[in-house]
Protein backbone atom coordinates (compact mmCIF):
# COMPACT_ATOMS: atom_id res chain seq x y z
CA MET A 1 3.55 35.63 -10.77
CA ARG A 2 6.60 33.45 -11.20
CA LEU A 3 5.52 30.15 -12.70
CA PRO A 4 8.08 27.47 -13.62
CA LEU A 5 6.26 26.61 -16.84
CA ARG A 6 7.67 26.89 -20.32
CA PRO A 7 5.91 29.51 -22.44
CA CYS A 8 3.33 28.38 -24.98
CA THR A 9 4.50 28.22 -28.58
CA PRO A 10 2.32 28.07 -31.71
CA LEU A 11 3.88 24.79 -32.86
CA ARG A 12 3.79 22.82 -29.63
CA ALA A 13 0.70 24.28 -27.96
CA PRO A 14 -2.32 24.88 -30.20
CA LEU A 15 -4.33 26.19 -27.25
CA SER A 16 -5.69 29.66 -26.70
CA LEU A 17 -4.28 29.68 -23.16
CA CYS A 18 -1.27 27.87 -21.73
CA LEU A 19 -0.75 26.12 -18.42
CA ALA A 20 1.02 29.15 -17.04
CA ALA A 21 -2.05 31.30 -17.56
CA ALA A 22 -4.28 28.67 -15.98
CA ALA A 23 -2.05 28.38 -12.93
CA THR A 24 -1.85 32.15 -12.63
CA LEU A 25 -5.62 32.44 -12.56
CA LEU A 26 -5.88 29.58 -10.11
CA PHE A 27 -3.73 31.44 -7.61
CA MET A 28 -5.59 34.67 -8.16
CA LEU A 29 -8.52 32.75 -6.74
CA PHE A 30 -6.50 31.10 -3.95
CA THR A 31 -4.97 34.31 -2.66
CA ALA A 32 -8.28 36.17 -2.87
CA THR A 33 -10.26 33.60 -0.90
CA THR A 34 -7.89 31.96 1.59
CA PRO A 35 -6.82 33.10 5.07
CA ALA A 36 -3.58 34.75 6.11
CA HIS A 37 -1.55 31.53 6.12
CA ALA A 38 -1.48 31.78 2.32
CA ALA A 39 0.85 34.76 2.60
CA ASP A 40 3.51 32.82 4.50
CA PRO A 41 6.69 32.18 2.48
CA THR A 42 6.90 28.65 1.11
CA PRO A 43 9.97 27.26 -0.71
CA THR A 44 9.07 25.80 -4.07
CA CYS A 45 9.72 22.12 -4.65
CA ALA A 46 10.36 22.64 -8.36
CA ALA A 47 13.87 23.50 -9.45
CA PRO A 48 14.13 26.64 -11.63
CA ASP A 49 15.33 24.58 -14.63
CA ALA A 50 12.98 21.63 -14.08
CA ARG A 51 11.60 19.98 -17.23
CA THR A 52 9.28 17.53 -15.46
CA PHE A 53 6.67 17.92 -12.76
CA PRO A 54 8.16 17.42 -9.28
CA LEU A 55 5.12 15.43 -8.14
CA THR A 56 4.13 12.25 -9.93
CA THR A 57 0.37 12.05 -9.48
CA ARG A 58 -1.87 9.00 -9.79
CA ILE A 59 -5.56 8.29 -9.20
CA HIS A 60 -6.22 4.64 -8.37
CA ASP A 61 -8.59 2.06 -6.85
CA GLY A 62 -11.78 3.93 -7.71
CA PRO A 63 -15.12 2.30 -8.51
CA ASP A 64 -15.94 1.79 -12.16
CA THR A 65 -19.65 2.51 -11.54
CA TYR A 66 -21.58 4.86 -9.27
CA GLU A 67 -25.31 4.82 -8.66
CA ALA A 68 -27.04 8.18 -8.49
CA GLY A 69 -28.31 8.62 -4.96
CA GLY A 70 -26.19 5.70 -3.80
CA GLY A 71 -23.38 5.50 -1.28
CA TYR A 72 -19.90 6.96 -1.48
CA GLY A 73 -17.23 5.35 -3.60
CA THR A 74 -13.67 5.68 -2.31
CA TRP A 75 -10.56 6.30 -4.40
CA TYR A 76 -7.03 7.48 -3.75
CA LEU A 77 -4.70 10.14 -5.07
CA ASP A 78 -0.98 9.38 -4.82
CA LEU A 79 1.43 12.33 -4.69
CA THR A 80 5.03 11.16 -5.13
CA ASN A 81 7.82 13.69 -4.61
CA THR A 82 10.55 12.87 -7.14
CA THR A 83 12.83 15.69 -6.00
CA ALA A 84 15.28 16.29 -3.15
CA ARG A 85 13.13 19.18 -1.91
CA ARG A 86 10.20 19.16 0.47
CA CYS A 87 6.91 20.02 -1.22
CA THR A 88 4.53 21.99 1.00
CA ALA A 89 1.23 23.85 0.46
CA ILE A 90 0.11 21.30 -2.13
CA HIS A 91 -3.46 21.59 -3.41
CA PRO A 92 -4.97 19.12 -5.92
CA VAL A 93 -7.61 20.51 -8.27
CA VAL A 94 -10.11 17.98 -9.65
CA VAL A 95 -11.69 18.44 -13.07
CA LEU A 96 -14.78 16.38 -14.00
CA VAL A 97 -15.73 16.04 -17.67
CA ASP A 98 -18.97 14.21 -18.42
CA GLU A 99 -19.88 12.75 -21.78
CA ARG A 100 -23.37 14.29 -21.89
CA HIS A 101 -22.28 17.74 -20.64
CA ALA A 102 -25.16 17.57 -18.18
CA LEU A 103 -23.40 17.30 -14.80
CA LYS A 104 -24.26 20.14 -12.40
CA PRO A 105 -21.99 21.49 -9.62
CA SER A 106 -24.51 20.38 -6.98
CA GLN A 107 -24.54 16.74 -8.11
CA PRO A 108 -21.04 15.40 -7.34
CA ARG A 109 -20.35 15.22 -3.61
CA LEU A 110 -16.59 15.02 -3.29
CA ASP A 111 -14.67 14.98 0.00
CA PHE A 112 -10.99 14.49 0.81
CA TYR A 113 -9.19 13.57 4.02
CA ASP A 114 -6.08 15.41 5.21
CA GLY A 115 -4.76 12.48 7.26
CA THR A 116 -4.97 14.27 10.59
CA GLY A 117 -8.43 13.16 11.67
CA PRO A 118 -11.70 11.52 10.68
CA ARG A 119 -13.38 14.68 9.41
CA PRO A 120 -13.45 15.01 5.62
CA HIS A 121 -13.07 18.30 3.77
CA PRO A 122 -15.75 19.09 1.19
CA VAL A 123 -14.80 20.15 -2.32
CA ARG A 124 -16.97 22.78 -3.99
CA PHE A 125 -17.37 22.62 -7.74
CA ALA A 126 -17.91 25.40 -10.23
CA THR A 127 -18.87 24.97 -13.87
CA THR A 128 -17.15 26.34 -16.96
CA ASP A 129 -18.45 27.52 -20.32
CA GLU A 130 -17.54 24.08 -21.66
CA ALA A 131 -19.72 22.35 -19.01
CA GLU A 132 -16.76 20.89 -17.10
CA LEU A 133 -16.67 21.03 -13.31
CA VAL A 134 -13.60 22.23 -11.38
CA GLY A 135 -13.05 21.83 -7.63
CA ALA A 136 -9.96 22.70 -5.56
CA PHE A 137 -8.90 20.92 -2.35
CA ASP A 138 -8.94 24.22 -0.52
CA ASP A 139 -11.54 25.07 2.12
CA GLY A 140 -9.06 26.95 4.30
CA PHE A 141 -6.91 23.83 4.36
CA PRO A 142 -3.20 24.86 4.30
CA GLY A 143 -2.26 22.13 1.84
CA PHE A 144 -0.46 18.79 1.90
CA THR A 145 3.25 18.25 2.58
CA VAL A 146 5.21 15.61 0.67
CA ASP A 147 8.76 14.86 1.80
CA PRO A 148 11.58 14.14 -0.69
CA GLY A 149 11.32 10.70 -2.25
CA ARG A 150 8.09 9.92 -0.39
CA THR A 151 4.54 9.21 -1.53
CA LEU A 152 1.54 10.75 0.18
CA THR A 153 -1.77 8.99 -0.46
CA VAL A 154 -4.86 11.16 -0.16
CA LYS A 155 -8.16 9.40 0.51
CA VAL A 156 -11.06 10.77 -1.53
CA ARG A 157 -14.73 9.83 -1.56
CA LEU A 158 -17.36 10.62 -4.17
CA ALA A 159 -21.13 10.23 -4.37
CA LEU A 160 -23.66 11.46 -6.93
CA ALA A 161 -26.96 13.16 -6.10
CA PRO A 162 -30.20 11.27 -6.84
CA ASP A 163 -31.06 13.57 -9.75
CA THR A 164 -27.84 12.71 -11.63
CA GLY A 165 -28.66 11.06 -14.95
CA PRO A 166 -26.86 8.13 -16.61
CA ASN A 167 -23.50 9.31 -17.82
CA GLU A 168 -19.80 8.60 -18.27
CA ILE A 169 -17.42 10.86 -16.35
CA THR A 170 -13.66 11.38 -16.54
CA ALA A 171 -11.85 12.76 -13.50
CA ASN A 172 -8.37 14.25 -13.62
CA ALA A 173 -6.34 16.06 -10.97
CA ALA A 174 -3.99 18.98 -11.53
CA VAL A 175 -1.67 19.67 -8.59
CA VAL A 176 -0.66 23.19 -7.58
CA GLN A 177 1.74 24.49 -4.95
CA ARG A 178 0.80 27.78 -3.29
CA HIS A 179 3.81 30.03 -2.74
CA ALA A 180 2.84 33.26 -0.95
CA ASP A 181 1.09 35.22 -3.69
CA ASP A 182 2.61 33.06 -6.43
CA GLY A 183 1.66 29.65 -7.74
CA TYR A 184 3.40 26.66 -9.29
CA TRP A 185 1.84 23.94 -11.39
CA VAL A 186 3.61 20.87 -9.97
CA GLY A 187 1.73 17.77 -11.10
CA GLN A 188 -1.00 16.21 -13.21
CA SER A 189 -2.69 12.85 -12.81
CA ASN A 190 -3.88 10.11 -15.09
CA ASP A 191 -7.52 9.99 -16.19
CA TYR A 192 -10.07 8.11 -14.07
CA ARG A 193 -13.18 7.10 -15.98
CA PHE A 194 -16.39 5.77 -14.46
CA ASP A 195 -20.06 5.28 -15.33
CA VAL A 196 -23.06 6.71 -13.54
CA GLU A 197 -26.26 4.68 -13.34
CA ALA A 198 -29.66 6.30 -12.75
CA ALA A 199 -31.15 6.05 -9.27
CA PRO A 200 -33.55 3.10 -8.88
CA GLU A 201 -37.21 3.97 -8.56
CA SER A 202 -37.38 2.23 -5.21
CA GLY A 203 -35.22 0.20 -2.88
CA THR A 204 -32.07 0.74 -0.86
CA PRO A 205 -29.19 2.71 -2.42
CA THR A 206 -26.24 0.52 -3.28
CA PRO A 207 -22.58 1.46 -2.81
CA ALA A 208 -20.39 2.14 -5.78
CA THR A 209 -18.73 -0.91 -7.33
CA THR A 210 -14.99 -1.16 -7.74
CA ALA A 211 -12.94 -2.64 -10.55
CA PRO A 212 -9.12 -2.71 -10.66
CA SER A 213 -9.15 -1.23 -14.17
CA ALA A 214 -11.19 1.83 -13.20
CA ALA A 215 -8.18 4.15 -13.27
CA THR A 216 -5.91 4.32 -16.29
CA PRO A 217 -2.15 3.74 -15.83
CA PRO A 218 -0.13 6.59 -14.32
CA ALA A 219 0.84 9.34 -16.72
CA GLU A 220 4.51 9.32 -17.60
CA ASP A 221 6.76 12.16 -16.49
CA LEU A 222 6.68 14.63 -19.39
CA SER A 223 8.23 18.02 -19.89
CA PHE A 224 5.95 21.00 -19.48
CA THR A 225 6.14 21.56 -23.24
CA ASP A 226 5.10 17.96 -23.91
CA GLU A 227 2.23 18.32 -21.44
CA LEU A 228 0.92 21.20 -23.52
CA ALA A 229 1.06 19.08 -26.66
CA ARG A 230 -1.01 16.20 -25.27
CA THR A 231 -4.66 15.79 -26.21
CA GLY A 232 -7.80 14.99 -24.22
CA ILE A 233 -8.63 16.00 -20.65
CA GLY A 234 -4.92 16.09 -19.81
CA THR A 235 -4.47 19.28 -21.84
CA ALA A 236 -7.25 21.17 -23.54
CA HIS A 237 -10.07 20.17 -21.19
CA LEU A 238 -7.95 20.55 -18.06
CA VAL A 239 -6.41 23.87 -19.00
CA LEU A 240 -9.54 25.46 -20.41
CA ALA A 241 -11.72 24.13 -17.60
CA VAL A 242 -9.51 25.53 -14.85
CA THR A 243 -8.92 28.77 -16.72
CA SER A 244 -12.57 29.42 -17.65
CA VAL A 245 -14.02 28.84 -14.21
CA LEU A 246 -11.34 30.89 -12.50
CA LEU A 247 -11.79 33.80 -14.89
CA VAL A 248 -15.45 33.92 -13.90
CA THR A 249 -14.83 33.37 -10.18
CA THR A 250 -11.99 35.87 -9.95
CA GLY A 251 -14.02 38.48 -11.83
CA ALA A 252 -16.87 38.04 -9.37
CA LEU A 253 -14.48 38.44 -6.43
CA LEU A 254 -13.00 41.63 -7.83
CA LEU A 255 -16.48 43.02 -8.50
CA ALA A 256 -17.55 42.20 -4.93
CA ARG A 257 -14.49 43.99 -3.55
CA ARG A 258 -15.26 47.10 -5.58
CA ARG A 259 -18.78 47.23 -4.24
CA ARG A 260 -17.58 47.26 -0.62
């Protein structure tokens, strides 16, 4: 695969795997599980010598608290194209990291809207060895298109199953562009932290509550090398979460193919 990411170095990236490896594995999954439209040629929106992500990505206006078994809370994902190129086949990938390492893939109910109609697209989560959850905006959906200099706002809704325990969760979105059988890591969001309250023993479920400070400020535009050197969910958790779950999923897909 051709990935416009700088190689990992021992000094700047003390991680066992770099972003390039994570993105490579991500597209091994995409191309193995998506329909024929994934093979269509797509021009990349990242210049070959780019040192910053072409898409500035921001999560905002999300609730600061969700009630297990309660209603959906709505938040938004801004994708801003900072280049002179059109970005197509864009797929956000959401990573959820919970403080108690107890969140199960069946508990978060995440949907996104593609802007073409009222029907939401469900996001399926898989768990990693580190107990993070990873879910791609890709249920056969061909991806978002962001024109040069424009911002596309994606509506997202999230609810938690009744059996979800009290917790604190951090959400982060990596953004990937599918390019035939190649992949490009083209954006990464700020962190969005929220609390989960246990379901009440009785009564009517309440909707999630919103606070302006629920999402942290947008992440600054950093070089790919600097992204690797950052700490927290923006680097180690995000990279290892995406990589771990896709290693497992891709291995299962290859095994299934061999058995046919």
